[in-house]
Amino acid sequence: MNKMEQQKRFSQLTEYELRTEIARLNEKAKKAEQLGMSSEFAVYERRVLLAKAYLLNPEDFKPGETYTIEGGSTFKISYLNGYFAWGYRDNEVSLEGIPISLFVKEEGEVK
């Protein structure tokens, strides 16, 4: 990617560009992990999650529904704001926002 493309927001990228960026970020994360750069690795991992959210349709996720998220926790959606779901993890009392790409697809479910 050239410098101009790197400045685009995920919302401005095509599906192909998003997939290419995800692959690029995964490579950078892998290198950071190999070099023991844990904070840099975490940043790339978060960017991958954000980019993956833009490959999903927010309308597939419904407020009031409870979903399983990566790591096995549950998350009840209160509302959606773009590609972020806002709600409560494991019946906690504090509102939290997470990218919709964290939701795990259930067997036989199409998302």
C-alpha atoms as a PDB file:
ATOM      1  CA  MET A   1       0.000   0.000   0.000  1.00  0.00           C
ATOM      2  CA  ASN A   2       1.234   3.450  -0.713  1.00  0.00           C
ATOM      3  CA  LYS A   3       1.199   6.258   1.821  1.00  0.00           C
ATOM      4  CA  MET A   4      -2.110   7.698   0.582  1.00  0.00           C
ATOM      5  CA  GLU A   5      -3.945   4.374   0.930  1.00  0.00           C
ATOM      6  CA  GLN A   6      -2.629   3.873   4.461  1.00  0.00           C
ATOM      7  CA  GLN A   7      -4.362   7.069   5.514  1.00  0.00           C
ATOM      8  CA  LYS A   8      -7.790   5.821   4.437  1.00  0.00           C
ATOM      9  CA  ARG A   9     -10.219   4.844   7.152  1.00  0.00           C
ATOM     10  CA  PHE A  10     -11.423   1.251   7.227  1.00  0.00           C
ATOM     11  CA  SER A  11     -14.879   2.566   6.298  1.00  0.00           C
ATOM     12  CA  GLN A  12     -13.443   3.902   3.018  1.00  0.00           C
ATOM     13  CA  LEU A  13     -11.839   0.623   1.931  1.00  0.00           C
ATOM     14  CA  THR A  14     -13.339  -1.938  -0.405  1.00  0.00           C
ATOM     15  CA  GLU A  15     -13.723  -5.544   0.746  1.00  0.00           C
ATOM     16  CA  TYR A  16     -10.585  -6.474  -1.201  1.00  0.00           C
ATOM     17  CA  GLU A  17      -8.609  -3.611   0.366  1.00  0.00           C
ATOM     18  CA  LEU A  18      -9.836  -4.615   3.830  1.00  0.00           C
ATOM     19  CA  ARG A  19      -8.765  -8.228   3.323  1.00  0.00           C
ATOM     20  CA  THR A  20      -5.374  -7.054   2.027  1.00  0.00           C
ATOM     21  CA  GLU A  21      -4.945  -4.755   5.037  1.00  0.00           C
ATOM     22  CA  ILE A  22      -5.922  -7.570   7.430  1.00  0.00           C
ATOM     23  CA  ALA A  23      -3.267  -9.820   5.874  1.00  0.00           C
ATOM     24  CA  ARG A  24      -0.677  -7.022   6.132  1.00  0.00           C
ATOM     25  CA  LEU A  25      -1.551  -6.349   9.779  1.00  0.00           C
ATOM     26  CA  ASN A  26      -1.444 -10.072  10.592  1.00  0.00           C
ATOM     27  CA  GLU A  27       2.080 -10.243   9.140  1.00  0.00           C
ATOM     28  CA  LYS A  28       3.183  -7.251  11.199  1.00  0.00           C
ATOM     29  CA  ALA A  29       1.614  -8.814  14.309  1.00  0.00           C
ATOM     30  CA  LYS A  30       3.410 -12.087  13.667  1.00  0.00           C
ATOM     31  CA  LYS A  31       6.752 -10.276  13.315  1.00  0.00           C
ATOM     32  CA  ALA A  32       6.136  -8.239  16.471  1.00  0.00           C
ATOM     33  CA  GLU A  33       5.278 -11.416  18.377  1.00  0.00           C
ATOM     34  CA  GLN A  34       8.438 -13.153  17.136  1.00  0.00           C
ATOM     35  CA  LEU A  35      10.516 -10.180  18.242  1.00  0.00           C
ATOM     36  CA  GLY A  36       8.888 -10.194  21.679  1.00  0.00           C
ATOM     37  CA  MET A  37       7.248  -6.800  21.153  1.00  0.00           C
ATOM     38  CA  SER A  38       4.048  -7.569  23.056  1.00  0.00           C
ATOM     39  CA  SER A  39       2.538  -4.080  23.088  1.00  0.00           C
ATOM     40  CA  GLU A  40       3.096  -3.636  19.337  1.00  0.00           C
ATOM     41  CA  PHE A  41       1.614  -7.108  18.780  1.00  0.00           C
ATOM     42  CA  ALA A  42      -1.497  -6.095  20.788  1.00  0.00           C
ATOM     43  CA  VAL A  43      -1.934  -2.933  18.703  1.00  0.00           C
ATOM     44  CA  TYR A  44      -1.854  -4.906  15.442  1.00  0.00           C
ATOM     45  CA  GLU A  45      -4.269  -7.500  16.859  1.00  0.00           C
ATOM     46  CA  ARG A  46      -6.755  -4.740  17.776  1.00  0.00           C
ATOM     47  CA  ARG A  47      -6.452  -3.168  14.333  1.00  0.00           C
ATOM     48  CA  VAL A  48      -7.163  -6.561  12.739  1.00  0.00           C
ATOM     49  CA  LEU A  49     -10.323  -6.891  14.860  1.00  0.00           C
ATOM     50  CA  LEU A  50     -11.446  -3.430  13.792  1.00  0.00           C
ATOM     51  CA  ALA A  51     -10.794  -4.120  10.111  1.00  0.00           C
ATOM     52  CA  LYS A  52     -12.671  -7.443  10.332  1.00  0.00           C
ATOM     53  CA  ALA A  53     -15.683  -5.610  11.793  1.00  0.00           C
ATOM     54  CA  TYR A  54     -15.998  -3.671   8.520  1.00  0.00           C
ATOM     55  CA  LEU A  55     -16.440  -6.954   6.638  1.00  0.00           C
ATOM     56  CA  LEU A  56     -19.600  -7.666   8.660  1.00  0.00           C
ATOM     57  CA  ASN A  57     -23.105  -6.228   8.468  1.00  0.00           C
ATOM     58  CA  PRO A  58     -24.089  -4.446  11.720  1.00  0.00           C
ATOM     59  CA  GLU A  59     -27.749  -5.182  10.914  1.00  0.00           C
ATOM     60  CA  ASP A  60     -27.035  -8.879  11.599  1.00  0.00           C
ATOM     61  CA  PHE A  61     -26.647  -8.019  15.296  1.00  0.00           C
ATOM     62  CA  LYS A  62     -29.736  -7.100  17.310  1.00  0.00           C
ATOM     63  CA  PRO A  63     -30.034  -4.977  20.459  1.00  0.00           C
ATOM     64  CA  GLY A  64     -31.444  -7.017  23.321  1.00  0.00           C
ATOM     65  CA  GLU A  65     -29.797 -10.211  22.069  1.00  0.00           C
ATOM     66  CA  THR A  66     -26.965 -11.954  23.893  1.00  0.00           C
ATOM     67  CA  TYR A  67     -23.982 -13.197  21.890  1.00  0.00           C
ATOM     68  CA  THR A  68     -20.894 -15.240  22.703  1.00  0.00           C
ATOM     69  CA  ILE A  69     -17.642 -13.361  22.236  1.00  0.00           C
ATOM     70  CA  GLU A  70     -14.100 -14.630  21.763  1.00  0.00           C
ATOM     71  CA  GLY A  71     -12.818 -16.033  25.021  1.00  0.00           C
ATOM     72  CA  GLY A  72     -16.178 -17.552  25.961  1.00  0.00           C
ATOM     73  CA  SER A  73     -17.805 -14.539  27.627  1.00  0.00           C
ATOM     74  CA  THR A  74     -21.329 -13.430  26.791  1.00  0.00           C
ATOM     75  CA  PHE A  75     -22.290  -9.949  25.666  1.00  0.00           C
ATOM     76  CA  LYS A  76     -25.806  -8.491  25.691  1.00  0.00           C
ATOM     77  CA  ILE A  77     -26.157  -5.693  23.142  1.00  0.00           C
ATOM     78  CA  SER A  78     -27.910  -2.532  24.303  1.00  0.00           C
ATOM     79  CA  TYR A  79     -27.333  -0.615  21.068  1.00  0.00           C
ATOM     80  CA  LEU A  80     -25.109  -0.462  18.015  1.00  0.00           C
ATOM     81  CA  ASN A  81     -23.064   2.507  16.893  1.00  0.00           C
ATOM     82  CA  GLY A  82     -21.596   1.763  13.491  1.00  0.00           C
ATOM     83  CA  TYR A  83     -19.459  -1.361  13.743  1.00  0.00           C
ATOM     84  CA  PHE A  84     -19.396  -1.310  17.545  1.00  0.00           C
ATOM     85  CA  ALA A  85     -21.851  -3.026  19.848  1.00  0.00           C
ATOM     86  CA  TRP A  86     -22.439  -1.342  23.188  1.00  0.00           C
ATOM     87  CA  GLY A  87     -23.703  -3.419  26.062  1.00  0.00           C
ATOM     88  CA  TYR A  88     -22.751  -5.594  28.986  1.00  0.00           C
ATOM     89  CA  ARG A  89     -20.244  -8.453  29.198  1.00  0.00           C
ATOM     90  CA  ASP A  90     -21.222 -11.377  31.455  1.00  0.00           C
ATOM     91  CA  ASN A  91     -23.977  -9.325  33.161  1.00  0.00           C
ATOM     92  CA  GLU A  92     -21.493  -6.662  34.340  1.00  0.00           C
ATOM     93  CA  VAL A  93     -22.885  -3.279  35.348  1.00  0.00           C
ATOM     94  CA  SER A  94     -20.544  -1.088  33.296  1.00  0.00           C
ATOM     95  CA  LEU A  95     -21.398  -0.347  29.671  1.00  0.00           C
ATOM     96  CA  GLU A  96     -18.710  -1.451  27.206  1.00  0.00           C
ATOM     97  CA  GLY A  97     -18.201  -1.045  23.469  1.00  0.00           C
ATOM     98  CA  ILE A  98     -16.650  -3.815  21.385  1.00  0.00           C
ATOM     99  CA  PRO A  99     -16.193  -4.338  17.626  1.00  0.00           C
ATOM    100  CA  ILE A 100     -18.808  -6.695  16.190  1.00  0.00           C
ATOM    101  CA  SER A 101     -15.988  -8.878  14.856  1.00  0.00           C
ATOM    102  CA  LEU A 102     -15.500 -10.209  18.406  1.00  0.00           C
ATOM    103  CA  PHE A 103     -18.790 -12.111  18.243  1.00  0.00           C
ATOM    104  CA  VAL A 104     -18.346 -15.832  17.643  1.00  0.00           C
ATOM    105  CA  LYS A 105     -20.545 -17.386  14.970  1.00  0.00           C
ATOM    106  CA  GLU A 106     -22.759 -20.093  16.380  1.00  0.00           C
ATOM    107  CA  GLU A 107     -22.919 -23.451  14.564  1.00  0.00           C
ATOM    108  CA  GLY A 108     -25.337 -23.258  11.637  1.00  0.00           C
ATOM    109  CA  GLU A 109     -25.763 -19.515  12.037  1.00  0.00           C
ATOM    110  CA  VAL A 110     -25.102 -17.255   9.074  1.00  0.00           C
ATOM    111  CA  LYS A 111     -23.495 -13.903   9.839  1.00  0.00           C
END
